Amino acid sequence: MINNPELWDMLDKNGNKTGRTQERGWLGAGNYHVIVHIWIKNAAGEFMISKRTSNKRWPNMWGCTIGSAVSGDDSLTTALKEVSEEIGVGLDPGNGHLFKQYRRDFEYDCGEFIDVWLFNQEINTSKLSLQPDEVCDVRWSRQQQIKQMINDKTFLSLDEEACPYIDELFSFCNKD
């Protein structure tokens, strides 16, 4: 079986498609790509978080679902696909909205555009189908629990640089 490489659409510093694609990995100077962060909130105000497997970057860390847009996919398509692939949930696109977009720059003049999605949906965690190479556990957690995990450094890269929106997200969700 031939394993096809994952291709990403390249964007310029302003978020415009350049017409180029790049194989997953090193972007090269002047190139950006789209990453999605997917937060799912239930009616009780809890957020679904998942634990990364030990073979992944940031092993055994908890976080929201995160993924890269492959060539041809827009942000919403990527969000729906990543949640379906990683935890086996079919999200209703009508239950979500694009909460925030921002650019994260790396050294060597490259980076990513991060689209943060928030879905309001009820999900029975006992009926999930976890992708064993990606996720080893899933649970509902309250904001205070997530903040404690951030302080304990058991929540994926939620520091000011990698996830500057967490307080804004929680504040927005408290207005519901």
C-alpha atoms as a PDB file:
ATOM      1  CA  MET A   1       0.000   0.000   0.000  1.00  0.00           C
ATOM      2  CA  ILE A   2       1.330   3.423  -0.964  1.00  0.00           C
ATOM      3  CA  ASN A   3       1.109   6.011   1.784  1.00  0.00           C
ATOM      4  CA  ASN A   4       0.247   9.360   0.184  1.00  0.00           C
ATOM      5  CA  PRO A   5       1.756  12.392   1.896  1.00  0.00           C
ATOM      6  CA  GLU A   6      -0.554  14.933   3.502  1.00  0.00           C
ATOM      7  CA  LEU A   7      -0.526  18.149   1.485  1.00  0.00           C
ATOM      8  CA  TRP A   8      -1.277  21.586   2.897  1.00  0.00           C
ATOM      9  CA  ASP A   9      -2.350  24.691   0.973  1.00  0.00           C
ATOM     10  CA  MET A  10       0.224  27.420   1.499  1.00  0.00           C
ATOM     11  CA  LEU A  11      -0.875  30.905   2.487  1.00  0.00           C
ATOM     12  CA  ASP A  12       1.050  34.142   2.521  1.00  0.00           C
ATOM     13  CA  LYS A  13       1.509  36.312   5.608  1.00  0.00           C
ATOM     14  CA  ASN A  14      -1.892  37.935   4.950  1.00  0.00           C
ATOM     15  CA  GLY A  15      -3.782  34.629   4.786  1.00  0.00           C
ATOM     16  CA  ASN A  16      -4.156  34.539   1.000  1.00  0.00           C
ATOM     17  CA  LYS A  17      -3.696  31.233  -0.822  1.00  0.00           C
ATOM     18  CA  THR A  18      -0.477  31.238  -2.816  1.00  0.00           C
ATOM     19  CA  GLY A  19      -1.462  28.426  -5.191  1.00  0.00           C
ATOM     20  CA  ARG A  20       1.312  26.244  -3.790  1.00  0.00           C
ATOM     21  CA  THR A  21       0.994  23.114  -1.691  1.00  0.00           C
ATOM     22  CA  GLN A  22       3.524  21.709   0.728  1.00  0.00           C
ATOM     23  CA  GLU A  23       3.913  18.265   2.201  1.00  0.00           C
ATOM     24  CA  ARG A  24       3.180  18.119   5.947  1.00  0.00           C
ATOM     25  CA  GLY A  25       6.222  19.234   7.908  1.00  0.00           C
ATOM     26  CA  TRP A  26       8.622  22.106   7.370  1.00  0.00           C
ATOM     27  CA  LEU A  27       6.818  25.047   5.774  1.00  0.00           C
ATOM     28  CA  GLY A  28       9.720  27.068   4.454  1.00  0.00           C
ATOM     29  CA  ALA A  29      10.157  30.833   4.609  1.00  0.00           C
ATOM     30  CA  GLY A  30       7.112  32.923   3.747  1.00  0.00           C
ATOM     31  CA  ASN A  31       4.658  30.032   4.060  1.00  0.00           C
ATOM     32  CA  TYR A  32       1.699  29.673   6.412  1.00  0.00           C
ATOM     33  CA  HIS A  33      -1.037  27.076   6.737  1.00  0.00           C
ATOM     34  CA  VAL A  34      -4.384  26.676   8.527  1.00  0.00           C
ATOM     35  CA  ILE A  35      -4.729  24.945  11.896  1.00  0.00           C
ATOM     36  CA  VAL A  36      -8.101  24.473  13.613  1.00  0.00           C
ATOM     37  CA  HIS A  37      -8.816  24.257  17.343  1.00  0.00           C
ATOM     38  CA  ILE A  38     -12.206  22.695  18.029  1.00  0.00           C
ATOM     39  CA  TRP A  39     -13.971  23.252  21.344  1.00  0.00           C
ATOM     40  CA  ILE A  40     -17.209  21.383  22.052  1.00  0.00           C
ATOM     41  CA  LYS A  41     -19.430  22.639  24.876  1.00  0.00           C
ATOM     42  CA  ASN A  42     -22.464  20.874  26.321  1.00  0.00           C
ATOM     43  CA  ALA A  43     -25.571  22.376  27.955  1.00  0.00           C
ATOM     44  CA  ALA A  44     -24.001  21.919  31.413  1.00  0.00           C
ATOM     45  CA  GLY A  45     -21.202  24.313  30.389  1.00  0.00           C
ATOM     46  CA  GLU A  46     -18.565  21.571  30.210  1.00  0.00           C
ATOM     47  CA  PHE A  47     -15.988  21.240  27.452  1.00  0.00           C
ATOM     48  CA  MET A  48     -15.048  17.984  25.776  1.00  0.00           C
ATOM     49  CA  ILE A  49     -11.300  17.468  26.022  1.00  0.00           C
ATOM     50  CA  SER A  50      -9.186  14.597  24.800  1.00  0.00           C
ATOM     51  CA  LYS A  51      -5.902  13.059  25.883  1.00  0.00           C
ATOM     52  CA  ARG A  52      -3.187  12.568  23.286  1.00  0.00           C
ATOM     53  CA  THR A  53      -1.596   9.138  22.954  1.00  0.00           C
ATOM     54  CA  SER A  54       1.957   8.546  24.148  1.00  0.00           C
ATOM     55  CA  ASN A  55       3.314   8.313  20.577  1.00  0.00           C
ATOM     56  CA  LYS A  56       2.207  11.858  19.654  1.00  0.00           C
ATOM     57  CA  ARG A  57       3.993  15.169  20.040  1.00  0.00           C
ATOM     58  CA  TRP A  58       3.096  16.411  23.543  1.00  0.00           C
ATOM     59  CA  PRO A  59       2.345  12.858  24.733  1.00  0.00           C
ATOM     60  CA  ASN A  60      -0.395  12.215  27.300  1.00  0.00           C
ATOM     61  CA  MET A  61      -1.439  15.864  27.351  1.00  0.00           C
ATOM     62  CA  TRP A  62      -5.088  16.929  27.452  1.00  0.00           C
ATOM     63  CA  GLY A  63      -6.515  19.501  25.041  1.00  0.00           C
ATOM     64  CA  CYS A  64      -9.226  20.427  22.611  1.00  0.00           C
ATOM     65  CA  THR A  65      -9.216  18.704  19.229  1.00  0.00           C
ATOM     66  CA  ILE A  66      -6.609  20.250  16.930  1.00  0.00           C
ATOM     67  CA  GLY A  67      -5.819  19.580  13.292  1.00  0.00           C
ATOM     68  CA  SER A  68      -4.304  20.910  10.092  1.00  0.00           C
ATOM     69  CA  ALA A  69      -6.315  21.747   6.993  1.00  0.00           C
ATOM     70  CA  VAL A  70      -5.346  19.547   4.070  1.00  0.00           C
ATOM     71  CA  SER A  71      -5.197  20.909   0.563  1.00  0.00           C
ATOM     72  CA  GLY A  72      -8.640  21.831  -0.724  1.00  0.00           C
ATOM     73  CA  ASP A  73     -10.374  21.805   2.679  1.00  0.00           C
ATOM     74  CA  ASP A  74     -11.642  24.972   4.308  1.00  0.00           C
ATOM     75  CA  SER A  75     -11.572  25.609   8.042  1.00  0.00           C
ATOM     76  CA  LEU A  76     -15.069  24.278   8.835  1.00  0.00           C
ATOM     77  CA  THR A  77     -14.544  21.128   6.763  1.00  0.00           C
ATOM     78  CA  THR A  78     -11.289  20.562   8.631  1.00  0.00           C
ATOM     79  CA  ALA A  79     -12.949  21.053  12.029  1.00  0.00           C
ATOM     80  CA  LEU A  80     -15.716  18.559  11.224  1.00  0.00           C
ATOM     81  CA  LYS A  81     -13.264  16.050   9.752  1.00  0.00           C
ATOM     82  CA  GLU A  82     -10.782  16.199  12.646  1.00  0.00           C
ATOM     83  CA  VAL A  83     -13.440  15.617  15.310  1.00  0.00           C
ATOM     84  CA  SER A  84     -14.925  12.765  13.300  1.00  0.00           C
ATOM     85  CA  GLU A  85     -11.538  11.121  12.717  1.00  0.00           C
ATOM     86  CA  GLU A  86     -10.084  11.564  16.207  1.00  0.00           C
ATOM     87  CA  ILE A  87     -13.053  10.903  18.477  1.00  0.00           C
ATOM     88  CA  GLY A  88     -15.767   9.576  16.181  1.00  0.00           C
ATOM     89  CA  VAL A  89     -18.238  12.445  16.556  1.00  0.00           C
ATOM     90  CA  GLY A  90     -20.331  13.872  13.750  1.00  0.00           C
ATOM     91  CA  LEU A  91     -20.733  17.523  14.641  1.00  0.00           C
ATOM     92  CA  ASP A  92     -23.688  19.484  13.300  1.00  0.00           C
ATOM     93  CA  PRO A  93     -22.184  22.452  11.406  1.00  0.00           C
ATOM     94  CA  GLY A  94     -25.198  24.525  12.476  1.00  0.00           C
ATOM     95  CA  ASN A  95     -24.136  24.115  16.129  1.00  0.00           C
ATOM     96  CA  GLY A  96     -20.784  25.778  15.614  1.00  0.00           C
ATOM     97  CA  HIS A  97     -19.291  29.104  14.839  1.00  0.00           C
ATOM     98  CA  LEU A  98     -15.852  30.461  14.168  1.00  0.00           C
ATOM     99  CA  PHE A  99     -14.986  32.008  17.517  1.00  0.00           C
ATOM    100  CA  LYS A 100     -11.593  33.519  16.725  1.00  0.00           C
ATOM    101  CA  GLN A 101      -8.901  33.682  14.069  1.00  0.00           C
ATOM    102  CA  TYR A 102      -5.309  34.690  14.606  1.00  0.00           C
ATOM    103  CA  ARG A 103      -1.879  34.329  13.074  1.00  0.00           C
ATOM    104  CA  ARG A 104       0.995  32.678  14.886  1.00  0.00           C
ATOM    105  CA  ASP A 105       4.454  33.461  13.518  1.00  0.00           C
ATOM    106  CA  PHE A 106       7.455  31.179  13.860  1.00  0.00           C
ATOM    107  CA  GLU A 107      11.125  31.740  13.289  1.00  0.00           C
ATOM    108  CA  TYR A 108      12.245  31.774   9.653  1.00  0.00           C
ATOM    109  CA  ASP A 109       9.257  33.852   8.502  1.00  0.00           C
ATOM    110  CA  CYS A 110       6.627  31.115   8.473  1.00  0.00           C
ATOM    111  CA  GLY A 111       3.706  30.115  10.659  1.00  0.00           C
ATOM    112  CA  GLU A 112       0.050  29.221  10.897  1.00  0.00           C
ATOM    113  CA  PHE A 113      -3.356  30.787  10.844  1.00  0.00           C
ATOM    114  CA  ILE A 114      -5.348  29.372  13.740  1.00  0.00           C
ATOM    115  CA  ASP A 115      -9.117  29.158  13.476  1.00  0.00           C
ATOM    116  CA  VAL A 116     -10.839  28.488  16.807  1.00  0.00           C
ATOM    117  CA  TRP A 117     -14.242  26.791  16.478  1.00  0.00           C
ATOM    118  CA  LEU A 118     -16.851  26.515  19.220  1.00  0.00           C
ATOM    119  CA  PHE A 119     -19.627  23.943  18.905  1.00  0.00           C
ATOM    120  CA  ASN A 120     -22.558  23.612  21.303  1.00  0.00           C
ATOM    121  CA  GLN A 121     -23.531  19.956  21.186  1.00  0.00           C
ATOM    122  CA  GLU A 122     -24.509  17.113  23.476  1.00  0.00           C
ATOM    123  CA  ILE A 123     -22.319  14.026  23.058  1.00  0.00           C
ATOM    124  CA  ASN A 124     -22.444  10.726  24.906  1.00  0.00           C
ATOM    125  CA  THR A 125     -18.782   9.926  25.628  1.00  0.00           C
ATOM    126  CA  SER A 126     -19.552   6.207  26.045  1.00  0.00           C
ATOM    127  CA  LYS A 127     -20.452   6.030  22.349  1.00  0.00           C
ATOM    128  CA  LEU A 128     -17.225   7.568  21.023  1.00  0.00           C
ATOM    129  CA  SER A 129     -14.805   5.764  18.756  1.00  0.00           C
ATOM    130  CA  LEU A 130     -11.306   7.034  19.572  1.00  0.00           C
ATOM    131  CA  GLN A 131      -8.569   6.894  16.933  1.00  0.00           C
ATOM    132  CA  PRO A 132      -5.915   4.828  18.772  1.00  0.00           C
ATOM    133  CA  ASP A 133      -2.947   6.595  17.125  1.00  0.00           C
ATOM    134  CA  GLU A 134      -4.252  10.013  18.187  1.00  0.00           C
ATOM    135  CA  VAL A 135      -6.422   9.897  21.316  1.00  0.00           C
ATOM    136  CA  CYS A 136      -6.462   7.606  24.362  1.00  0.00           C
ATOM    137  CA  ASP A 137      -9.181   9.240  26.500  1.00  0.00           C
ATOM    138  CA  VAL A 138     -11.987  11.798  26.330  1.00  0.00           C
ATOM    139  CA  ARG A 139     -13.987  13.527  29.034  1.00  0.00           C
ATOM    140  CA  TRP A 140     -16.154  16.528  29.830  1.00  0.00           C
ATOM    141  CA  SER A 141     -14.427  19.164  31.981  1.00  0.00           C
ATOM    142  CA  ARG A 142     -15.444  22.440  33.554  1.00  0.00           C
ATOM    143  CA  GLN A 143     -13.511  25.659  33.023  1.00  0.00           C
ATOM    144  CA  GLN A 144     -11.988  25.493  36.513  1.00  0.00           C
ATOM    145  CA  GLN A 145     -10.734  21.952  35.862  1.00  0.00           C
ATOM    146  CA  ILE A 146      -9.143  23.025  32.587  1.00  0.00           C
ATOM    147  CA  LYS A 147      -7.507  26.041  34.253  1.00  0.00           C
ATOM    148  CA  GLN A 148      -6.117  23.732  36.959  1.00  0.00           C
ATOM    149  CA  MET A 149      -4.751  21.420  34.256  1.00  0.00           C
ATOM    150  CA  ILE A 150      -3.106  24.435  32.615  1.00  0.00           C
ATOM    151  CA  ASN A 151      -1.471  25.334  35.956  1.00  0.00           C
ATOM    152  CA  ASP A 152      -0.425  21.689  36.425  1.00  0.00           C
ATOM    153  CA  LYS A 153       1.002  21.648  32.876  1.00  0.00           C
ATOM    154  CA  THR A 154      -1.152  18.670  31.876  1.00  0.00           C
ATOM    155  CA  PHE A 155      -3.121  20.649  29.275  1.00  0.00           C
ATOM    156  CA  LEU A 156      -1.643  20.981  25.792  1.00  0.00           C
ATOM    157  CA  SER A 157       0.384  24.142  25.188  1.00  0.00           C
ATOM    158  CA  LEU A 158      -2.116  26.498  26.716  1.00  0.00           C
ATOM    159  CA  ASP A 159       0.293  29.245  27.402  1.00  0.00           C
ATOM    160  CA  GLU A 160       0.057  32.818  26.258  1.00  0.00           C
ATOM    161  CA  GLU A 161       1.933  32.184  23.011  1.00  0.00           C
ATOM    162  CA  ALA A 162       0.267  28.957  21.849  1.00  0.00           C
ATOM    163  CA  CYS A 163      -3.294  29.638  22.993  1.00  0.00           C
ATOM    164  CA  PRO A 164      -3.823  33.299  23.830  1.00  0.00           C
ATOM    165  CA  TYR A 165      -7.614  33.048  23.604  1.00  0.00           C
ATOM    166  CA  ILE A 166      -8.509  30.706  26.500  1.00  0.00           C
ATOM    167  CA  ASP A 167      -9.682  33.425  28.913  1.00  0.00           C
ATOM    168  CA  GLU A 168     -11.596  35.124  26.096  1.00  0.00           C
ATOM    169  CA  LEU A 169     -13.267  31.814  25.172  1.00  0.00           C
ATOM    170  CA  PHE A 170     -14.306  31.084  28.749  1.00  0.00           C
ATOM    171  CA  SER A 171     -15.573  34.648  29.233  1.00  0.00           C
ATOM    172  CA  PHE A 172     -17.624  34.376  26.031  1.00  0.00           C
ATOM    173  CA  CYS A 173     -19.088  31.029  27.129  1.00  0.00           C
ATOM    174  CA  ASN A 174     -20.073  32.452  30.517  1.00  0.00           C
ATOM    175  CA  LYS A 175     -22.340  34.973  28.767  1.00  0.00           C
ATOM    176  CA  ASP A 176     -24.637  32.169  27.532  1.00  0.00           C
END
